[in-house]
Each structure stands twice: as structure tokens, then as C-alpha cells.
Amino acid sequence: MINKDKKVERKVGPQESARMVEVLVGCKWSLTVYQLLAAGINRPGEMVRKTHGLTTKVLNQCLKKNVEFGVLKKQSFAEIPPRVEYEVTELGEQFLSILNALEQLQQQINQAQ
């Protein structure tokens, strides 16, 4: 028997993860940073040298946002000169798999048009 008086509550989207996607995908360089990390390039200086148009200032802002959301982990080494490396976290792996699924969806949309 179906209860006709029962009302459905409005579903609210996932606020934090939606904000994370908006901020990180909205960053012009985040996807490039993920591509560089996948290629084994994990030091900021090398990232700047390998990417046309990317500046140190913009890269540092991008990396900082990714670290704040927990997608990337920053590892600093007590060496002279100082050395910093970035790596994808477990949360970052999940995030990247979602981005890959979105990219595949976009390819299907493009083929259907």
C-alpha cells in the first residue's frame, strides 16, 4: 500500500565536493599539474620548466589549493638547497578517477554531436 501523504524532501547536492571540483577544475592549471604528476614530474621548478606559459607564482597558488583540499600532499626535505615534492593523496586518486570519468563522458557527448 502506497502512502500518498508522504512528501519527498528536497535533495541537496554535495556542497564540499562540488566546491572542490569548481575550484580545482576552474583553476586553469590544475589538470596540467595532474598530468605532470602522472608523468613523474613532482617538483615545482621542473613543472614550470616543462610547461609553456606556467609561472612559479600561479603554480604555487594552484598547488596550495590542491593541498588545502587534500588532493595533493606536499613533502619538504631538510636539504640545502631546499627541495619540495608533491604527490597525489588517496583522496586525490578518487578525485582523479572522477575527473577521468567526466572526460570520458565529454568524449561521448562530443561523438554524439
N, C-alpha and C. Protein backbone atom coordinates (compact mmCIF):
# COMPACT_ATOMS: atom_id res chain seq x y z
N MET A 1 0.82 -1.17 0.00
CA MET A 1 0.00 0.00 0.00
C MET A 1 0.88 1.25 0.00
N ILE A 2 0.61 2.20 -0.89
CA ILE A 2 1.42 3.41 -1.03
C ILE A 2 0.80 4.52 -0.18
N ASN A 3 1.65 5.18 0.60
CA ASN A 3 1.20 6.29 1.42
C ASN A 3 1.25 7.56 0.57
N LYS A 4 0.09 8.12 0.21
CA LYS A 4 0.03 9.29 -0.66
C LYS A 4 0.34 10.58 0.08
N ASP A 5 0.32 10.55 1.40
CA ASP A 5 0.57 11.76 2.18
C ASP A 5 2.06 12.02 2.41
N LYS A 6 2.88 11.05 2.14
CA LYS A 6 4.32 11.19 2.38
C LYS A 6 4.93 12.13 1.34
N LYS A 7 5.69 13.11 1.82
CA LYS A 7 6.34 14.08 0.92
C LYS A 7 7.83 13.77 0.86
N VAL A 8 8.39 14.06 -0.29
CA VAL A 8 9.82 13.84 -0.50
C VAL A 8 10.56 15.13 -0.17
N GLU A 9 11.61 15.01 0.60
CA GLU A 9 12.44 16.16 0.93
C GLU A 9 13.30 16.53 -0.27
N ARG A 10 13.56 17.82 -0.42
CA ARG A 10 14.42 18.31 -1.50
C ARG A 10 15.84 17.78 -1.28
N LYS A 11 16.39 17.20 -2.32
CA LYS A 11 17.75 16.67 -2.23
C LYS A 11 18.74 17.80 -2.47
N VAL A 12 19.74 17.87 -1.63
CA VAL A 12 20.76 18.90 -1.74
C VAL A 12 22.04 18.23 -2.21
N GLY A 13 22.72 18.87 -3.13
CA GLY A 13 23.97 18.33 -3.68
C GLY A 13 25.09 18.33 -2.65
N PRO A 14 26.13 17.59 -2.94
CA PRO A 14 27.29 17.52 -2.04
C PRO A 14 28.07 18.83 -2.08
N GLN A 15 27.94 19.65 -1.05
CA GLN A 15 28.47 21.00 -1.08
C GLN A 15 29.99 21.06 -1.11
N GLU A 16 30.67 20.36 -0.23
CA GLU A 16 32.13 20.46 -0.18
C GLU A 16 32.79 19.88 -1.44
N SER A 17 32.32 18.72 -1.87
CA SER A 17 32.95 18.11 -3.05
C SER A 17 32.63 18.92 -4.31
N ALA A 18 31.44 19.50 -4.37
CA ALA A 18 31.09 20.34 -5.53
C ALA A 18 31.97 21.59 -5.55
N ARG A 19 32.20 22.16 -4.37
CA ARG A 19 33.08 23.33 -4.28
C ARG A 19 34.51 22.97 -4.67
N MET A 20 34.95 21.79 -4.25
CA MET A 20 36.29 21.34 -4.59
C MET A 20 36.43 21.20 -6.11
N VAL A 21 35.45 20.59 -6.75
CA VAL A 21 35.50 20.42 -8.20
C VAL A 21 35.50 21.78 -8.88
N GLU A 22 34.64 22.68 -8.42
CA GLU A 22 34.55 24.01 -9.01
C GLU A 22 35.88 24.76 -8.92
N VAL A 23 36.48 24.73 -7.74
CA VAL A 23 37.73 25.47 -7.52
C VAL A 23 38.89 24.84 -8.29
N LEU A 24 39.03 23.52 -8.19
CA LEU A 24 40.19 22.87 -8.78
C LEU A 24 40.09 22.75 -10.30
N VAL A 25 38.93 22.40 -10.80
CA VAL A 25 38.79 22.30 -12.26
C VAL A 25 38.73 23.71 -12.85
N GLY A 26 38.22 24.66 -12.06
CA GLY A 26 38.18 26.05 -12.51
C GLY A 26 39.56 26.67 -12.59
N CYS A 27 40.51 26.12 -11.87
CA CYS A 27 41.89 26.59 -11.94
C CYS A 27 42.46 26.17 -13.30
N LYS A 28 42.98 27.11 -14.00
CA LYS A 28 43.47 26.88 -15.36
C LYS A 28 44.54 25.79 -15.44
N TRP A 29 45.31 25.63 -14.36
CA TRP A 29 46.48 24.76 -14.43
C TRP A 29 46.36 23.45 -13.66
N SER A 30 45.31 23.23 -12.90
CA SER A 30 45.21 22.01 -12.08
C SER A 30 45.30 20.74 -12.92
N LEU A 31 44.56 20.69 -14.02
CA LEU A 31 44.59 19.48 -14.85
C LEU A 31 45.98 19.23 -15.42
N THR A 32 46.68 20.30 -15.75
CA THR A 32 48.05 20.16 -16.25
C THR A 32 48.96 19.63 -15.14
N VAL A 33 48.76 20.11 -13.92
CA VAL A 33 49.56 19.63 -12.78
C VAL A 33 49.33 18.13 -12.58
N TYR A 34 48.09 17.68 -12.67
CA TYR A 34 47.80 16.25 -12.52
C TYR A 34 48.49 15.45 -13.62
N GLN A 35 48.51 16.00 -14.82
CA GLN A 35 49.16 15.34 -15.95
C GLN A 35 50.67 15.24 -15.70
N LEU A 36 51.26 16.31 -15.19
CA LEU A 36 52.69 16.30 -14.87
C LEU A 36 53.01 15.28 -13.78
N LEU A 37 52.19 15.23 -12.74
CA LEU A 37 52.41 14.27 -11.66
C LEU A 37 52.30 12.84 -12.17
N ALA A 38 51.36 12.59 -13.07
CA ALA A 38 51.21 11.25 -13.65
C ALA A 38 52.44 10.88 -14.47
N ALA A 39 53.12 11.89 -15.02
CA ALA A 39 54.33 11.65 -15.81
C ALA A 39 55.58 11.57 -14.93
N GLY A 40 55.40 11.66 -13.61
CA GLY A 40 56.54 11.54 -12.71
C GLY A 40 57.24 12.86 -12.42
N ILE A 41 56.68 13.96 -12.85
CA ILE A 41 57.26 15.28 -12.59
C ILE A 41 56.57 15.83 -11.35
N ASN A 42 57.29 15.84 -10.23
CA ASN A 42 56.66 16.21 -8.97
C ASN A 42 57.31 17.37 -8.23
N ARG A 43 58.28 18.02 -8.86
CA ARG A 43 58.93 19.17 -8.25
C ARG A 43 58.49 20.44 -8.98
N PRO A 44 58.13 21.49 -8.22
CA PRO A 44 57.59 22.70 -8.82
C PRO A 44 58.48 23.34 -9.89
N GLY A 45 59.77 23.42 -9.64
CA GLY A 45 60.67 24.02 -10.62
C GLY A 45 60.64 23.29 -11.95
N GLU A 46 60.63 21.97 -11.88
CA GLU A 46 60.57 21.17 -13.09
C GLU A 46 59.22 21.32 -13.79
N MET A 47 58.15 21.44 -13.00
CA MET A 47 56.82 21.66 -13.59
C MET A 47 56.79 22.93 -14.42
N VAL A 48 57.37 24.00 -13.86
CA VAL A 48 57.40 25.29 -14.57
C VAL A 48 58.24 25.18 -15.83
N ARG A 49 59.38 24.51 -15.75
CA ARG A 49 60.25 24.37 -16.93
C ARG A 49 59.60 23.54 -18.03
N LYS A 50 58.79 22.55 -17.67
CA LYS A 50 58.19 21.65 -18.65
C LYS A 50 56.89 22.18 -19.26
N THR A 51 56.35 23.29 -18.71
CA THR A 51 55.03 23.75 -19.14
C THR A 51 55.12 25.17 -19.67
N HIS A 52 54.80 25.34 -20.93
CA HIS A 52 54.81 26.66 -21.55
C HIS A 52 53.69 27.53 -20.97
N GLY A 53 54.03 28.72 -20.50
CA GLY A 53 53.04 29.66 -20.00
C GLY A 53 52.76 29.58 -18.52
N LEU A 54 53.29 28.60 -17.84
CA LEU A 54 53.06 28.43 -16.41
C LEU A 54 54.13 29.18 -15.63
N THR A 55 53.71 30.04 -14.70
CA THR A 55 54.66 30.78 -13.88
C THR A 55 54.73 30.16 -12.49
N THR A 56 55.81 30.45 -11.79
CA THR A 56 56.00 29.93 -10.45
C THR A 56 54.90 30.40 -9.51
N LYS A 57 54.53 31.67 -9.60
CA LYS A 57 53.50 32.24 -8.72
C LYS A 57 52.17 31.51 -8.90
N VAL A 58 51.75 31.35 -10.15
CA VAL A 58 50.47 30.70 -10.44
C VAL A 58 50.52 29.23 -10.05
N LEU A 59 51.63 28.57 -10.31
CA LEU A 59 51.77 27.16 -9.92
C LEU A 59 51.66 27.01 -8.41
N ASN A 60 52.33 27.88 -7.66
CA ASN A 60 52.27 27.79 -6.20
C ASN A 60 50.85 27.99 -5.68
N GLN A 61 50.09 28.90 -6.29
CA GLN A 61 48.69 29.10 -5.90
C GLN A 61 47.87 27.83 -6.18
N CYS A 62 48.09 27.27 -7.34
CA CYS A 62 47.38 26.05 -7.74
C CYS A 62 47.72 24.89 -6.80
N LEU A 63 48.98 24.70 -6.53
CA LEU A 63 49.41 23.61 -5.65
C LEU A 63 48.85 23.81 -4.24
N LYS A 64 48.84 25.06 -3.78
CA LYS A 64 48.32 25.35 -2.44
C LYS A 64 46.84 24.96 -2.34
N LYS A 65 46.05 25.30 -3.34
CA LYS A 65 44.62 24.94 -3.35
C LYS A 65 44.46 23.42 -3.30
N ASN A 66 45.25 22.71 -4.08
CA ASN A 66 45.16 21.25 -4.12
C ASN A 66 45.55 20.63 -2.78
N VAL A 67 46.54 21.19 -2.12
CA VAL A 67 46.96 20.69 -0.81
C VAL A 67 45.87 20.98 0.23
N GLU A 68 45.27 22.18 0.17
CA GLU A 68 44.21 22.54 1.12
C GLU A 68 43.01 21.59 1.02
N PHE A 69 42.67 21.18 -0.19
CA PHE A 69 41.55 20.26 -0.37
C PHE A 69 41.95 18.81 -0.09
N GLY A 70 43.23 18.53 0.06
CA GLY A 70 43.68 17.18 0.36
C GLY A 70 43.89 16.31 -0.87
N VAL A 71 43.90 16.93 -2.05
CA VAL A 71 44.12 16.18 -3.29
C VAL A 71 45.60 15.87 -3.47
N LEU A 72 46.46 16.81 -3.07
CA LEU A 72 47.90 16.63 -3.16
C LEU A 72 48.51 16.73 -1.77
N LYS A 73 49.66 16.12 -1.62
CA LYS A 73 50.43 16.18 -0.38
C LYS A 73 51.77 16.81 -0.70
N LYS A 74 52.16 17.77 0.12
CA LYS A 74 53.45 18.45 -0.05
C LYS A 74 54.46 17.81 0.88
N GLN A 75 55.61 17.47 0.32
CA GLN A 75 56.67 16.88 1.13
C GLN A 75 57.90 17.77 1.00
N SER A 76 58.34 18.33 2.13
CA SER A 76 59.52 19.20 2.16
C SER A 76 60.69 18.42 2.74
N PHE A 77 61.84 18.58 2.14
CA PHE A 77 63.05 17.90 2.59
C PHE A 77 64.00 18.91 3.21
N ALA A 78 64.61 18.57 4.32
CA ALA A 78 65.55 19.45 5.02
C ALA A 78 66.92 19.36 4.35
N GLU A 79 67.02 19.98 3.20
CA GLU A 79 68.26 19.95 2.43
C GLU A 79 68.62 21.37 2.03
N ILE A 80 69.84 21.56 1.64
CA ILE A 80 70.26 22.83 1.06
C ILE A 80 70.80 22.52 -0.33
N PRO A 81 70.23 23.09 -1.38
CA PRO A 81 69.04 23.96 -1.39
C PRO A 81 67.78 23.17 -1.04
N PRO A 82 66.76 23.88 -0.55
CA PRO A 82 65.52 23.20 -0.16
C PRO A 82 64.89 22.45 -1.32
N ARG A 83 64.29 21.32 -1.01
CA ARG A 83 63.63 20.52 -2.04
C ARG A 83 62.21 20.23 -1.59
N VAL A 84 61.26 20.42 -2.51
CA VAL A 84 59.85 20.17 -2.25
C VAL A 84 59.31 19.27 -3.35
N GLU A 85 58.53 18.29 -2.97
CA GLU A 85 57.89 17.41 -3.94
C GLU A 85 56.42 17.27 -3.59
N TYR A 86 55.61 17.01 -4.61
CA TYR A 86 54.17 16.83 -4.42
C TYR A 86 53.78 15.45 -4.89
N GLU A 87 52.78 14.88 -4.22
CA GLU A 87 52.25 13.59 -4.63
C GLU A 87 50.74 13.58 -4.44
N VAL A 88 50.08 12.73 -5.20
CA VAL A 88 48.64 12.60 -5.12
C VAL A 88 48.28 11.76 -3.90
N THR A 89 47.31 12.22 -3.13
CA THR A 89 46.85 11.50 -1.94
C THR A 89 45.81 10.44 -2.34
N GLU A 90 45.36 9.68 -1.36
CA GLU A 90 44.31 8.69 -1.61
C GLU A 90 43.02 9.40 -2.06
N LEU A 91 42.69 10.50 -1.39
CA LEU A 91 41.54 11.30 -1.80
C LEU A 91 41.75 11.83 -3.22
N GLY A 92 42.97 12.24 -3.51
CA GLY A 92 43.30 12.73 -4.84
C GLY A 92 43.10 11.67 -5.91
N GLU A 93 43.44 10.43 -5.60
CA GLU A 93 43.23 9.33 -6.55
C GLU A 93 41.74 9.18 -6.87
N GLN A 94 40.90 9.27 -5.84
CA GLN A 94 39.45 9.20 -6.06
C GLN A 94 38.98 10.37 -6.92
N PHE A 95 39.49 11.56 -6.61
CA PHE A 95 39.13 12.76 -7.35
C PHE A 95 39.55 12.63 -8.82
N LEU A 96 40.74 12.13 -9.06
CA LEU A 96 41.23 11.97 -10.43
C LEU A 96 40.42 10.93 -11.20
N SER A 97 39.96 9.89 -10.52
CA SER A 97 39.14 8.90 -11.21
C SER A 97 37.80 9.51 -11.62
N ILE A 98 37.26 10.41 -10.80
CA ILE A 98 36.03 11.12 -11.16
C ILE A 98 36.28 12.04 -12.35
N LEU A 99 37.42 12.74 -12.33
CA LEU A 99 37.76 13.61 -13.47
C LEU A 99 37.92 12.80 -14.75
N ASN A 100 38.52 11.62 -14.65
CA ASN A 100 38.67 10.75 -15.83
C ASN A 100 37.31 10.32 -16.35
N ALA A 101 36.38 9.99 -15.45
CA ALA A 101 35.03 9.60 -15.86
C ALA A 101 34.33 10.77 -16.54
N LEU A 102 34.53 11.99 -16.02
CA LEU A 102 33.94 13.17 -16.67
C LEU A 102 34.53 13.39 -18.06
N GLU A 103 35.81 13.16 -18.19
CA GLU A 103 36.46 13.31 -19.50
C GLU A 103 35.90 12.30 -20.50
N GLN A 104 35.69 11.07 -20.07
CA GLN A 104 35.10 10.05 -20.94
C GLN A 104 33.67 10.43 -21.33
N LEU A 105 32.92 10.96 -20.38
CA LEU A 105 31.56 11.41 -20.66
C LEU A 105 31.58 12.53 -21.70
N GLN A 106 32.52 13.47 -21.55
CA GLN A 106 32.64 14.55 -22.52
C GLN A 106 32.97 14.03 -23.91
N GLN A 107 33.81 13.02 -24.00
CA GLN A 107 34.14 12.44 -25.30
C GLN A 107 32.90 11.79 -25.94
N GLN A 108 32.09 11.13 -25.13
CA GLN A 108 30.85 10.53 -25.64
C GLN A 108 29.89 11.61 -26.12
N ILE A 109 29.81 12.71 -25.38
CA ILE A 109 28.95 13.82 -25.79
C ILE A 109 29.44 14.40 -27.11
N ASN A 110 30.75 14.59 -27.23
CA ASN A 110 31.33 15.14 -28.46
C ASN A 110 31.06 14.23 -29.66
N GLN A 111 31.14 12.94 -29.46
CA GLN A 111 30.90 11.99 -30.55
C GLN A 111 29.42 11.96 -30.96
N ALA A 112 28.54 12.20 -30.02
CA ALA A 112 27.10 12.18 -30.30
C ALA A 112 26.65 13.42 -31.06
N GLN A 113 27.43 14.46 -31.02
CA GLN A 113 27.03 15.72 -31.68
C GLN A 113 27.34 15.71 -33.15
